[in-house]
Amino acid sequence: REGLFKSSQQEMKVIWERVGGTVFED
């Protein structure tokens, strides 16, 4: 579950970047 959680966080950042959403890196 922890691995899926961390992976899904990164995958969502890719989606936001792909569609032009704002990604908070801090």
PDB file of all heavy atoms in Angstrom:
ATOM      1  N   ARG A   1       0.822  -1.207   0.000  1.00  0.00           N
ATOM      2  CA  ARG A   1       0.000   0.000   0.000  1.00  0.00           C
ATOM      3  C   ARG A   1       0.856   1.257   0.000  1.00  0.00           C
ATOM      4  O   ARG A   1       0.581   2.211  -0.731  1.00  0.00           O
ATOM      5  CB  ARG A   1      -0.927  -0.002   1.225  1.00  0.00           C
ATOM      6  CG  ARG A   1      -1.866   1.192   1.281  1.00  0.00           C
ATOM      7  CD  ARG A   1      -2.684   1.203   2.559  1.00  0.00           C
ATOM      8  NE  ARG A   1      -1.857   1.072   3.744  1.00  0.00           N
ATOM      9  CZ  ARG A   1      -1.110   2.054   4.247  1.00  0.00           C
ATOM     10  NH1 ARG A   1      -1.087   3.236   3.653  1.00  0.00           N
ATOM     11  NH2 ARG A   1      -0.393   1.844   5.328  1.00  0.00           N
ATOM     12  N   GLU A   2       1.922   1.277   0.797  1.00  0.00           N
ATOM     13  CA  GLU A   2       2.799   2.446   0.853  1.00  0.00           C
ATOM     14  C   GLU A   2       3.464   2.697  -0.500  1.00  0.00           C
ATOM     15  O   GLU A   2       3.593   3.847  -0.948  1.00  0.00           O
ATOM     16  CB  GLU A   2       3.858   2.251   1.934  1.00  0.00           C
ATOM     17  CG  GLU A   2       4.818   3.413   2.109  1.00  0.00           C
ATOM     18  CD  GLU A   2       4.144   4.666   2.655  1.00  0.00           C
ATOM     19  OE1 GLU A   2       3.054   4.552   3.235  1.00  0.00           O
ATOM     20  OE2 GLU A   2       4.734   5.760   2.497  1.00  0.00           O
ATOM     21  N   GLY A   3       3.857   1.627  -1.174  1.00  0.00           N
ATOM     22  CA  GLY A   3       4.460   1.778  -2.490  1.00  0.00           C
ATOM     23  C   GLY A   3       3.481   2.340  -3.502  1.00  0.00           C
ATOM     24  O   GLY A   3       3.830   3.206  -4.324  1.00  0.00           O
ATOM     25  N   LEU A   4       2.247   1.865  -3.459  1.00  0.00           N
ATOM     26  CA  LEU A   4       1.220   2.373  -4.364  1.00  0.00           C
ATOM     27  C   LEU A   4       0.895   3.834  -4.060  1.00  0.00           C
ATOM     28  O   LEU A   4       0.645   4.626  -4.975  1.00  0.00           O
ATOM     29  CB  LEU A   4      -0.044   1.523  -4.246  1.00  0.00           C
ATOM     30  CG  LEU A   4       0.055   0.096  -4.808  1.00  0.00           C
ATOM     31  CD1 LEU A   4      -1.140  -0.741  -4.355  1.00  0.00           C
ATOM     32  CD2 LEU A   4       0.127   0.127  -6.334  1.00  0.00           C
ATOM     33  N   PHE A   5       0.898   4.189  -2.780  1.00  0.00           N
ATOM     34  CA  PHE A   5       0.632   5.573  -2.389  1.00  0.00           C
ATOM     35  C   PHE A   5       1.684   6.514  -2.980  1.00  0.00           C
ATOM     36  O   PHE A   5       1.348   7.526  -3.616  1.00  0.00           O
ATOM     37  CB  PHE A   5       0.611   5.684  -0.870  1.00  0.00           C
ATOM     38  CG  PHE A   5       0.652   7.087  -0.349  1.00  0.00           C
ATOM     39  CD1 PHE A   5      -0.397   7.961  -0.602  1.00  0.00           C
ATOM     40  CD2 PHE A   5       1.730   7.538   0.396  1.00  0.00           C
ATOM     41  CE1 PHE A   5      -0.364   9.260  -0.128  1.00  0.00           C
ATOM     42  CE2 PHE A   5       1.763   8.832   0.879  1.00  0.00           C
ATOM     43  CZ  PHE A   5       0.725   9.703   0.616  1.00  0.00           C
ATOM     44  N   LYS A   6       2.955   6.194  -2.802  1.00  0.00           N
ATOM     45  CA  LYS A   6       4.027   7.057  -3.310  1.00  0.00           C
ATOM     46  C   LYS A   6       4.026   7.103  -4.829  1.00  0.00           C
ATOM     47  O   LYS A   6       4.233   8.163  -5.435  1.00  0.00           O
ATOM     48  CB  LYS A   6       5.377   6.569  -2.786  1.00  0.00           C
ATOM     49  CG  LYS A   6       5.543   6.754  -1.275  1.00  0.00           C
ATOM     50  CD  LYS A   6       6.900   6.263  -0.801  1.00  0.00           C
ATOM     51  CE  LYS A   6       7.061   6.483   0.700  1.00  0.00           C
ATOM     52  NZ  LYS A   6       8.372   5.974   1.202  1.00  0.00           N
ATOM     53  N   SER A   7       3.765   5.967  -5.448  1.00  0.00           N
ATOM     54  CA  SER A   7       3.731   5.923  -6.909  1.00  0.00           C
ATOM     55  C   SER A   7       2.572   6.748  -7.453  1.00  0.00           C
ATOM     56  O   SER A   7       2.725   7.494  -8.424  1.00  0.00           O
ATOM     57  CB  SER A   7       3.620   4.479  -7.381  1.00  0.00           C
ATOM     58  OG  SER A   7       3.554   4.419  -8.799  1.00  0.00           O
ATOM     59  N   SER A   8       1.403   6.637  -6.822  1.00  0.00           N
ATOM     60  CA  SER A   8       0.237   7.385  -7.306  1.00  0.00           C
ATOM     61  C   SER A   8       0.437   8.889  -7.147  1.00  0.00           C
ATOM     62  O   SER A   8      -0.049   9.675  -7.976  1.00  0.00           O
ATOM     63  CB  SER A   8      -1.030   6.931  -6.569  1.00  0.00           C
ATOM     64  OG  SER A   8      -0.936   7.164  -5.178  1.00  0.00           O
ATOM     65  N   GLN A   9       1.157   9.313  -6.103  1.00  0.00           N
ATOM     66  CA  GLN A   9       1.461  10.731  -5.946  1.00  0.00           C
ATOM     67  C   GLN A   9       2.263  11.253  -7.138  1.00  0.00           C
ATOM     68  O   GLN A   9       1.960  12.318  -7.699  1.00  0.00           O
ATOM     69  CB  GLN A   9       2.250  10.975  -4.651  1.00  0.00           C
ATOM     70  CG  GLN A   9       1.427  10.974  -3.383  1.00  0.00           C
ATOM     71  CD  GLN A   9       2.269  11.352  -2.187  1.00  0.00           C
ATOM     72  OE1 GLN A   9       3.355  10.802  -1.971  1.00  0.00           O
ATOM     73  NE2 GLN A   9       1.773  12.285  -1.379  1.00  0.00           N
ATOM     74  N   GLN A  10       3.281  10.498  -7.526  1.00  0.00           N
ATOM     75  CA  GLN A  10       4.114  10.913  -8.659  1.00  0.00           C
ATOM     76  C   GLN A  10       3.333  10.862  -9.967  1.00  0.00           C
ATOM     77  O   GLN A  10       3.495  11.727 -10.833  1.00  0.00           O
ATOM     78  CB  GLN A  10       5.360  10.018  -8.737  1.00  0.00           C
ATOM     79  CG  GLN A  10       6.313  10.170  -7.571  1.00  0.00           C
ATOM     80  CD  GLN A  10       6.784  11.616  -7.403  1.00  0.00           C
ATOM     81  OE1 GLN A  10       7.184  12.261  -8.376  1.00  0.00           O
ATOM     82  NE2 GLN A  10       6.732  12.118  -6.181  1.00  0.00           N
ATOM     83  N   GLU A  11       2.495   9.858 -10.111  1.00  0.00           N
ATOM     84  CA  GLU A  11       1.715   9.735 -11.340  1.00  0.00           C
ATOM     85  C   GLU A  11       0.728  10.890 -11.493  1.00  0.00           C
ATOM     86  O   GLU A  11       0.481  11.362 -12.601  1.00  0.00           O
ATOM     87  CB  GLU A  11       0.984   8.397 -11.349  1.00  0.00           C
ATOM     88  CG  GLU A  11       1.918   7.204 -11.514  1.00  0.00           C
ATOM     89  CD  GLU A  11       1.241   5.870 -11.274  1.00  0.00           C
ATOM     90  OE1 GLU A  11      -0.007   5.844 -11.257  1.00  0.00           O
ATOM     91  OE2 GLU A  11       1.942   4.860 -11.087  1.00  0.00           O
ATOM     92  N   MET A  12       0.166  11.361 -10.381  1.00  0.00           N
ATOM     93  CA  MET A  12      -0.740  12.497 -10.451  1.00  0.00           C
ATOM     94  C   MET A  12       0.001  13.768 -10.845  1.00  0.00           C
ATOM     95  O   MET A  12      -0.532  14.606 -11.590  1.00  0.00           O
ATOM     96  CB  MET A  12      -1.457  12.700  -9.123  1.00  0.00           C
ATOM     97  CG  MET A  12      -2.769  11.956  -8.982  1.00  0.00           C
ATOM     98  SD  MET A  12      -3.922  12.186 -10.370  1.00  0.00           S
ATOM     99  CE  MET A  12      -4.088  13.969 -10.429  1.00  0.00           C
ATOM    100  N   LYS A  13       1.230  13.913 -10.380  1.00  0.00           N
ATOM    101  CA  LYS A  13       2.006  15.091 -10.783  1.00  0.00           C
ATOM    102  C   LYS A  13       2.240  15.098 -12.284  1.00  0.00           C
ATOM    103  O   LYS A  13       2.183  16.148 -12.938  1.00  0.00           O
ATOM    104  CB  LYS A  13       3.340  15.124 -10.033  1.00  0.00           C
ATOM    105  CG  LYS A  13       3.221  15.518  -8.569  1.00  0.00           C
ATOM    106  CD  LYS A  13       4.581  15.697  -7.926  1.00  0.00           C
ATOM    107  CE  LYS A  13       4.432  16.171  -6.490  1.00  0.00           C
ATOM    108  NZ  LYS A  13       5.749  16.385  -5.831  1.00  0.00           N
ATOM    109  N   VAL A  14       2.484  13.918 -12.847  1.00  0.00           N
ATOM    110  CA  VAL A  14       2.674  13.813 -14.301  1.00  0.00           C
ATOM    111  C   VAL A  14       1.395  14.218 -15.035  1.00  0.00           C
ATOM    112  O   VAL A  14       1.438  14.931 -16.046  1.00  0.00           O
ATOM    113  CB  VAL A  14       3.090  12.377 -14.688  1.00  0.00           C
ATOM    114  CG1 VAL A  14       3.100  12.216 -16.208  1.00  0.00           C
ATOM    115  CG2 VAL A  14       4.459  12.043 -14.105  1.00  0.00           C
ATOM    116  N   ILE A  15       0.261  13.771 -14.510  1.00  0.00           N
ATOM    117  CA  ILE A  15      -1.020  14.124 -15.136  1.00  0.00           C
ATOM    118  C   ILE A  15      -1.247  15.623 -15.078  1.00  0.00           C
ATOM    119  O   ILE A  15      -1.636  16.250 -16.078  1.00  0.00           O
ATOM    120  CB  ILE A  15      -2.180  13.366 -14.466  1.00  0.00           C
ATOM    121  CG1 ILE A  15      -2.112  11.877 -14.822  1.00  0.00           C
ATOM    122  CG2 ILE A  15      -3.526  13.944 -14.889  1.00  0.00           C
ATOM    123  CD1 ILE A  15      -3.180  11.037 -14.158  1.00  0.00           C
ATOM    124  N   TRP A  16      -1.000  16.242 -13.917  1.00  0.00           N
ATOM    125  CA  TRP A  16      -1.196  17.687 -13.810  1.00  0.00           C
ATOM    126  C   TRP A  16      -0.298  18.437 -14.780  1.00  0.00           C
ATOM    127  O   TRP A  16      -0.729  19.399 -15.429  1.00  0.00           O
ATOM    128  CB  TRP A  16      -0.939  18.160 -12.379  1.00  0.00           C
ATOM    129  CG  TRP A  16      -1.959  17.749 -11.367  1.00  0.00           C
ATOM    130  CD1 TRP A  16      -1.726  17.179 -10.147  1.00  0.00           C
ATOM    131  CD2 TRP A  16      -3.384  17.879 -11.465  1.00  0.00           C
ATOM    132  NE1 TRP A  16      -2.906  16.943  -9.484  1.00  0.00           N
ATOM    133  CE2 TRP A  16      -3.944  17.361 -10.270  1.00  0.00           C
ATOM    134  CE3 TRP A  16      -4.246  18.374 -12.445  1.00  0.00           C
ATOM    135  CZ2 TRP A  16      -5.317  17.339 -10.037  1.00  0.00           C
ATOM    136  CZ3 TRP A  16      -5.617  18.338 -12.209  1.00  0.00           C
ATOM    137  CH2 TRP A  16      -6.131  17.832 -11.022  1.00  0.00           C
ATOM    138  N   GLU A  17       0.947  18.025 -14.878  1.00  0.00           N
ATOM    139  CA  GLU A  17       1.861  18.686 -15.808  1.00  0.00           C
ATOM    140  C   GLU A  17       1.416  18.491 -17.248  1.00  0.00           C
ATOM    141  O   GLU A  17       1.509  19.401 -18.077  1.00  0.00           O
ATOM    142  CB  GLU A  17       3.284  18.151 -15.614  1.00  0.00           C
ATOM    143  CG  GLU A  17       3.904  18.561 -14.280  1.00  0.00           C
ATOM    144  CD  GLU A  17       5.208  17.847 -14.002  1.00  0.00           C
ATOM    145  OE1 GLU A  17       5.518  16.870 -14.734  1.00  0.00           O
ATOM    146  OE2 GLU A  17       5.919  18.239 -13.059  1.00  0.00           O
ATOM    147  N   ARG A  18       0.897  17.330 -17.537  1.00  0.00           N
ATOM    148  CA  ARG A  18       0.466  17.007 -18.891  1.00  0.00           C
ATOM    149  C   ARG A  18      -0.703  17.879 -19.342  1.00  0.00           C
ATOM    150  O   ARG A  18      -0.808  18.247 -20.504  1.00  0.00           O
ATOM    151  CB  ARG A  18       0.073  15.528 -18.940  1.00  0.00           C
ATOM    152  CG  ARG A  18      -0.279  15.003 -20.313  1.00  0.00           C
ATOM    153  CD  ARG A  18      -0.447  13.490 -20.239  1.00  0.00           C
ATOM    154  NE  ARG A  18      -0.709  12.908 -21.542  1.00  0.00           N
ATOM    155  CZ  ARG A  18      -0.690  11.623 -21.794  1.00  0.00           C
ATOM    156  NH1 ARG A  18      -0.411  10.770 -20.820  1.00  0.00           N
ATOM    157  NH2 ARG A  18      -0.946  11.155 -22.998  1.00  0.00           N
ATOM    158  N   VAL A  19      -1.607  18.203 -18.417  1.00  0.00           N
ATOM    159  CA  VAL A  19      -2.787  18.990 -18.777  1.00  0.00           C
ATOM    160  C   VAL A  19      -2.631  20.467 -18.431  1.00  0.00           C
ATOM    161  O   VAL A  19      -3.585  21.240 -18.569  1.00  0.00           O
ATOM    162  CB  VAL A  19      -4.048  18.427 -18.102  1.00  0.00           C
ATOM    163  CG1 VAL A  19      -4.298  17.004 -18.547  1.00  0.00           C
ATOM    164  CG2 VAL A  19      -3.946  18.503 -16.573  1.00  0.00           C
ATOM    165  N   GLY A  20      -1.461  20.876 -17.964  1.00  0.00           N
ATOM    166  CA  GLY A  20      -1.225  22.286 -17.697  1.00  0.00           C
ATOM    167  C   GLY A  20      -1.653  22.747 -16.327  1.00  0.00           C
ATOM    168  O   GLY A  20      -1.844  23.946 -16.103  1.00  0.00           O
ATOM    169  N   GLY A  21      -1.812  21.822 -15.392  1.00  0.00           N
ATOM    170  CA  GLY A  21      -2.176  22.203 -14.035  1.00  0.00           C
ATOM    171  C   GLY A  21      -0.966  22.693 -13.259  1.00  0.00           C
ATOM    172  O   GLY A  21       0.185  22.481 -13.658  1.00  0.00           O
ATOM    173  N   THR A  22      -1.211  23.351 -12.140  1.00  0.00           N
ATOM    174  CA  THR A  22      -0.137  23.850 -11.289  1.00  0.00           C
ATOM    175  C   THR A  22       0.307  22.739 -10.346  1.00  0.00           C
ATOM    176  O   THR A  22      -0.515  22.125  -9.673  1.00  0.00           O
ATOM    177  CB  THR A  22      -0.612  25.056 -10.466  1.00  0.00           C
ATOM    178  OG1 THR A  22      -0.992  26.104 -11.360  1.00  0.00           O
ATOM    179  CG2 THR A  22       0.478  25.552  -9.537  1.00  0.00           C
ATOM    180  N   VAL A  23       1.606  22.487 -10.309  1.00  0.00           N
ATOM    181  CA  VAL A  23       2.164  21.457  -9.436  1.00  0.00           C
ATOM    182  C   VAL A  23       3.007  22.135  -8.361  1.00  0.00           C
ATOM    183  O   VAL A  23       3.951  22.860  -8.670  1.00  0.00           O
ATOM    184  CB  VAL A  23       3.025  20.453 -10.229  1.00  0.00           C
ATOM    185  CG1 VAL A  23       3.626  19.424  -9.286  1.00  0.00           C
ATOM    186  CG2 VAL A  23       2.199  19.778 -11.312  1.00  0.00           C
ATOM    187  N   PHE A  24       2.669  21.912  -7.105  1.00  0.00           N
ATOM    188  CA  PHE A  24       3.424  22.481  -5.996  1.00  0.00           C
ATOM    189  C   PHE A  24       4.531  21.512  -5.606  1.00  0.00           C
ATOM    190  O   PHE A  24       4.265  20.391  -5.173  1.00  0.00           O
ATOM    191  CB  PHE A  24       2.498  22.745  -4.806  1.00  0.00           C
ATOM    192  CG  PHE A  24       1.508  23.844  -5.054  1.00  0.00           C
ATOM    193  CD1 PHE A  24       0.286  23.580  -5.642  1.00  0.00           C
ATOM    194  CD2 PHE A  24       1.812  25.158  -4.724  1.00  0.00           C
ATOM    195  CE1 PHE A  24      -0.624  24.592  -5.875  1.00  0.00           C
ATOM    196  CE2 PHE A  24       0.914  26.182  -4.957  1.00  0.00           C
ATOM    197  CZ  PHE A  24      -0.311  25.902  -5.540  1.00  0.00           C
ATOM    198  N   GLU A  25       5.756  21.956  -5.767  1.00  0.00           N
ATOM    199  CA  GLU A  25       6.895  21.085  -5.495  1.00  0.00           C
ATOM    200  C   GLU A  25       7.377  21.179  -4.053  1.00  0.00           C
ATOM    201  O   GLU A  25       8.072  20.293  -3.574  1.00  0.00           O
ATOM    202  CB  GLU A  25       8.058  21.448  -6.436  1.00  0.00           C
ATOM    203  CG  GLU A  25       7.735  21.274  -7.925  1.00  0.00           C
ATOM    204  CD  GLU A  25       7.521  19.813  -8.312  1.00  0.00           C
ATOM    205  OE1 GLU A  25       7.842  18.932  -7.493  1.00  0.00           O
ATOM    206  OE2 GLU A  25       7.057  19.572  -9.434  1.00  0.00           O
ATOM    207  N   ASP A  26       7.049  22.252  -3.359  1.00  0.00           N
ATOM    208  CA  ASP A  26       7.531  22.412  -1.989  1.00  0.00           C
ATOM    209  C   ASP A  26       6.803  21.455  -1.053  1.00  0.00           C
ATOM    210  O   ASP A  26       5.725  20.954  -1.349  1.00  0.00           O
ATOM    211  CB  ASP A  26       7.348  23.855  -1.510  1.00  0.00           C
ATOM    212  CG  ASP A  26       5.898  24.300  -1.580  1.00  0.00           C
ATOM    213  OD1 ASP A  26       5.244  23.988  -2.593  1.00  0.00           O
ATOM    214  OD2 ASP A  26       5.421  24.935  -0.632  1.00  0.00           O
TER     215      ASP A  26
END
